[in-house]
Amino acid sequence: MASEGALRAGRRLLATYAGAELVFQLTGCNLSSPQTAEMNAASRAPTIGKWVNLTTGEAIAWVLFLCWLDESLWPALGGGAAGLSMWVKYKYAINSGLKSGAPGTENYGGGAAPGPGMLGRGGY
């Protein structure tokens, strides 16, 4: 049978993981990748920044809720580390994209995006 100390350690591990996983899932459902953010920063930096901030606020609220449920700060450890990690990645991506001057990957010409049927006809 597991000792009480081992059970507490396992609970802390799960609470820390839950906080981190929550932040990563929220980021994934609210934002595109940092790579896409970097490639299209010239046209989308303000929008991407807005969604990073909104997602960060949402993540903080959920992590605080997890802390309340768990009656500990362990979810904040995982959530804080994950949140800081994602914030740094997006900040770096936006700044790198704005400095690069490389063309973006999105077409804002008003036409429909090329689909699979346009392959071989200048579509991709």
Protein backbone atom coordinates (compact mmCIF):
# COMPACT_ATOMS: atom_id res chain seq x y z
CA MET A 1 0.00 0.00 0.00
CA ALA A 2 1.27 3.47 -0.85
CA SER A 3 2.36 5.73 1.95
CA GLU A 4 0.53 8.96 2.70
CA GLY A 5 3.58 10.93 1.51
CA ALA A 6 3.58 9.13 -1.83
CA LEU A 7 -0.14 9.81 -2.28
CA ARG A 8 0.39 13.52 -1.53
CA ALA A 9 3.26 13.66 -4.02
CA GLY A 10 1.10 12.00 -6.66
CA ARG A 11 -1.71 14.46 -6.00
CA ARG A 12 0.70 17.41 -6.35
CA LEU A 13 2.01 15.96 -9.60
CA LEU A 14 -1.49 15.63 -11.03
CA ALA A 15 -2.52 19.11 -9.89
CA THR A 16 0.62 20.64 -11.44
CA TYR A 17 0.08 18.72 -14.66
CA ALA A 18 -3.59 19.75 -14.80
CA GLY A 19 -2.65 23.44 -14.58
CA ALA A 20 -0.07 23.13 -17.35
CA GLU A 21 -2.29 21.02 -19.60
CA LEU A 22 -5.15 23.45 -19.21
CA VAL A 23 -3.02 26.38 -20.39
CA PHE A 24 -1.64 24.46 -23.36
CA GLN A 25 -5.14 23.33 -24.41
CA LEU A 26 -6.57 26.85 -24.12
CA THR A 27 -3.71 28.20 -26.20
CA GLY A 28 -4.27 25.50 -28.83
CA CYS A 29 -7.99 26.17 -29.12
CA ASN A 30 -7.71 29.98 -29.18
CA LEU A 31 -4.59 30.63 -31.25
CA SER A 32 -2.75 29.36 -34.29
CA SER A 33 0.87 28.28 -33.88
CA PRO A 34 3.72 30.66 -32.98
CA GLN A 35 5.21 29.75 -36.37
CA THR A 36 2.11 31.01 -38.19
CA ALA A 37 2.06 34.09 -35.95
CA GLU A 38 5.64 34.87 -36.95
CA MET A 39 5.03 34.37 -40.67
CA ASN A 40 1.97 36.64 -40.69
CA ALA A 41 2.96 39.15 -38.00
CA ALA A 42 3.09 42.07 -40.44
CA SER A 43 -0.65 41.84 -41.07
CA ARG A 44 -1.90 40.20 -37.88
CA ALA A 45 0.30 41.30 -34.93
CA PRO A 46 -2.39 43.38 -33.18
CA THR A 47 -4.99 40.61 -33.52
CA ILE A 48 -2.57 37.90 -32.41
CA GLY A 49 -1.49 40.02 -29.44
CA LYS A 50 -5.12 40.59 -28.47
CA TRP A 51 -5.85 36.85 -28.49
CA VAL A 52 -2.68 36.05 -26.54
CA ASN A 53 -3.85 38.49 -23.86
CA LEU A 54 -7.43 37.15 -23.84
CA THR A 55 -6.19 33.56 -23.63
CA THR A 56 -3.80 34.48 -20.82
CA GLY A 57 -6.68 36.01 -18.86
CA GLU A 58 -8.87 32.97 -19.46
CA ALA A 59 -6.04 30.63 -18.43
CA ILE A 60 -5.43 32.58 -15.21
CA ALA A 61 -9.11 32.31 -14.31
CA TRP A 62 -9.18 28.54 -14.95
CA VAL A 63 -5.94 27.94 -13.04
CA LEU A 64 -7.27 29.91 -10.06
CA PHE A 65 -10.39 27.75 -10.21
CA LEU A 66 -8.21 24.61 -10.20
CA CYS A 67 -6.29 25.99 -7.20
CA TRP A 68 -9.57 26.52 -5.38
CA LEU A 69 -10.77 23.00 -6.21
CA ASP A 70 -7.46 21.42 -5.22
CA GLU A 71 -7.08 23.69 -2.17
CA SER A 72 -3.46 24.22 -3.15
CA LEU A 73 -1.24 26.31 -5.40
CA TRP A 74 0.10 23.29 -7.33
CA PRO A 75 -2.08 23.98 -10.39
CA ALA A 76 -0.59 27.49 -10.44
CA LEU A 77 2.91 26.02 -10.69
CA GLY A 78 2.08 24.07 -13.84
CA GLY A 79 -0.25 26.71 -15.27
CA GLY A 80 2.18 29.53 -14.54
CA ALA A 81 5.11 27.73 -16.18
CA ALA A 82 3.01 26.82 -19.23
CA GLY A 83 1.50 30.29 -19.49
CA LEU A 84 4.87 32.01 -19.29
CA SER A 85 6.25 29.59 -21.87
CA MET A 86 3.44 30.30 -24.34
CA TRP A 87 3.53 34.07 -23.75
CA VAL A 88 7.31 34.16 -24.43
CA LYS A 89 6.90 32.08 -27.60
CA TYR A 90 4.19 34.34 -29.05
CA LYS A 91 6.01 37.55 -28.05
CA TYR A 92 9.15 36.23 -29.73
CA ALA A 93 7.21 35.09 -32.81
CA ILE A 94 5.48 38.45 -33.29
CA ASN A 95 8.69 40.45 -32.78
CA SER A 96 10.69 38.17 -35.11
CA GLY A 97 8.00 38.34 -37.78
CA LEU A 98 7.78 42.13 -37.65
CA LYS A 99 11.58 42.44 -37.92
CA SER A 100 12.01 39.90 -40.74
CA GLY A 101 10.20 41.72 -43.54
CA ALA A 102 9.45 38.33 -45.13
CA PRO A 103 6.16 37.99 -47.00
CA GLY A 104 3.31 36.38 -45.08
CA THR A 105 1.55 33.18 -46.02
CA GLU A 106 -1.97 34.61 -46.24
CA ASN A 107 -3.67 36.20 -49.22
CA TYR A 108 -5.96 39.15 -48.47
CA GLY A 109 -6.93 39.82 -52.09
CA GLY A 110 -10.60 39.12 -51.46
CA GLY A 111 -10.73 35.96 -53.55
CA ALA A 112 -11.34 32.51 -52.21
CA ALA A 113 -8.33 30.68 -50.89
CA PRO A 114 -7.02 28.15 -53.40
CA GLY A 115 -8.27 24.66 -52.75
CA PRO A 116 -7.03 21.21 -53.69
CA GLY A 117 -8.58 21.55 -57.14
CA MET A 118 -6.17 24.38 -57.97
CA LEU A 119 -3.06 22.28 -57.57
CA GLY A 120 -1.04 22.37 -60.73
CA ARG A 121 -2.75 25.58 -61.86
CA GLY A 122 -0.71 28.02 -59.80
CA GLY A 123 -2.71 27.29 -56.65
CA TYR A 124 0.02 26.20 -54.26
